[in-house]
Amino acid sequence: MDEPLVGTPQQNYRFFYGASLSAIISLVVLFVITGYTAYTASEINEVIKDMNELLPDARNSLRIIHEMCIHENFTKSWGNICQ
């Protein structure tokens, strides 16, 4: 039990503190990534709410365009939206 795990006692301490430091850095990086993901998810939630408000207007606009395209008034030209 008095024997060092890696080489000399000084090398053993270096290995221990190096492994501890890398574990702490990994934990900090994990927290940063988790925080950024939570922020992005909240932003996406707002975008989805906005899209749900706009979709009924878009559907109504598409219905109007469809009616314009099937209307029998041949004197009007709507471009290539009716293709």
Protein backbone atom coordinates (compact mmCIF):
# COMPACT_ATOMS: atom_id res chain seq x y z
CA MET A 1 0.00 0.00 0.00
CA ASP A 2 3.00 2.30 0.45
CA GLU A 3 4.04 1.81 -3.17
CA PRO A 4 3.08 4.61 -5.61
CA LEU A 5 0.68 3.68 -8.40
CA VAL A 6 2.71 5.37 -11.15
CA GLY A 7 6.51 5.50 -10.83
CA THR A 8 7.78 7.71 -8.06
CA PRO A 9 5.55 9.44 -5.50
CA GLN A 10 6.10 12.75 -7.33
CA GLN A 11 4.92 11.21 -10.62
CA ASN A 12 1.98 9.67 -8.79
CA TYR A 13 0.90 13.10 -7.51
CA ARG A 14 1.31 14.61 -10.99
CA PHE A 15 -0.84 11.86 -12.46
CA PHE A 16 -3.51 12.30 -9.77
CA TYR A 17 -3.71 16.09 -10.12
CA GLY A 18 -3.58 15.89 -13.91
CA ALA A 19 -6.44 13.40 -14.00
CA SER A 20 -8.41 15.52 -11.50
CA LEU A 21 -7.86 18.68 -13.52
CA SER A 22 -8.93 17.01 -16.75
CA ALA A 23 -12.09 15.69 -15.06
CA ILE A 24 -12.94 19.18 -13.78
CA ILE A 25 -12.34 20.73 -17.21
CA SER A 26 -14.55 18.07 -18.81
CA LEU A 27 -17.29 18.85 -16.29
CA VAL A 28 -17.07 22.59 -17.04
CA VAL A 29 -17.25 21.92 -20.79
CA LEU A 30 -20.26 19.67 -20.21
CA PHE A 31 -22.02 22.42 -18.22
CA VAL A 32 -21.31 24.99 -20.94
CA ILE A 33 -22.71 22.70 -23.63
CA THR A 34 -25.78 21.95 -21.49
CA GLY A 35 -26.41 25.65 -20.90
CA TYR A 36 -26.08 26.48 -24.58
CA THR A 37 -28.44 23.62 -25.48
CA ALA A 38 -31.04 24.86 -23.01
CA TYR A 39 -30.78 28.40 -24.42
CA THR A 40 -31.15 27.11 -27.98
CA ALA A 41 -34.15 24.98 -27.02
CA SER A 42 -35.92 28.00 -25.52
CA GLU A 43 -35.24 30.03 -28.67
CA ILE A 44 -36.60 27.21 -30.85
CA ASN A 45 -39.70 27.11 -28.66
CA GLU A 46 -40.33 30.80 -29.42
CA VAL A 47 -39.85 30.21 -33.14
CA ILE A 48 -42.37 27.37 -33.08
CA LYS A 49 -44.91 29.58 -31.30
CA ASP A 50 -44.42 32.28 -33.95
CA MET A 51 -44.82 29.74 -36.73
CA ASN A 52 -48.07 28.49 -35.22
CA GLU A 53 -49.38 32.06 -35.29
CA LEU A 54 -48.36 32.58 -38.93
CA LEU A 55 -49.51 29.27 -40.42
CA PRO A 56 -53.24 30.10 -40.57
CA ASP A 57 -52.45 33.29 -42.51
CA ALA A 58 -50.22 31.36 -44.89
CA ARG A 59 -52.91 28.73 -45.49
CA ASN A 60 -55.44 31.45 -46.25
CA SER A 61 -53.01 33.11 -48.68
CA LEU A 62 -52.45 29.81 -50.48
CA ARG A 63 -56.20 29.31 -50.73
CA ILE A 64 -56.55 32.78 -52.32
CA ILE A 65 -53.75 32.04 -54.80
CA HIS A 66 -55.40 28.74 -55.71
CA GLU A 67 -58.72 30.51 -56.34
CA MET A 68 -56.97 33.12 -58.50
CA CYS A 69 -55.37 30.39 -60.60
CA ILE A 70 -58.58 28.45 -61.28
CA HIS A 71 -60.66 31.57 -61.95
CA GLU A 72 -61.89 31.78 -65.55
CA ASN A 73 -60.81 35.39 -66.13
CA PHE A 74 -58.29 34.85 -68.93
CA THR A 75 -57.33 38.57 -69.13
CA LYS A 76 -55.33 38.37 -65.92
CA SER A 77 -51.83 36.94 -65.87
CA TRP A 78 -50.43 35.91 -62.50
CA GLY A 79 -47.00 34.86 -63.71
CA ASN A 80 -45.63 31.47 -62.78
CA ILE A 81 -47.41 31.12 -59.43
CA CYS A 82 -50.16 29.05 -61.07
CA GLN A 83 -47.94 26.29 -62.40
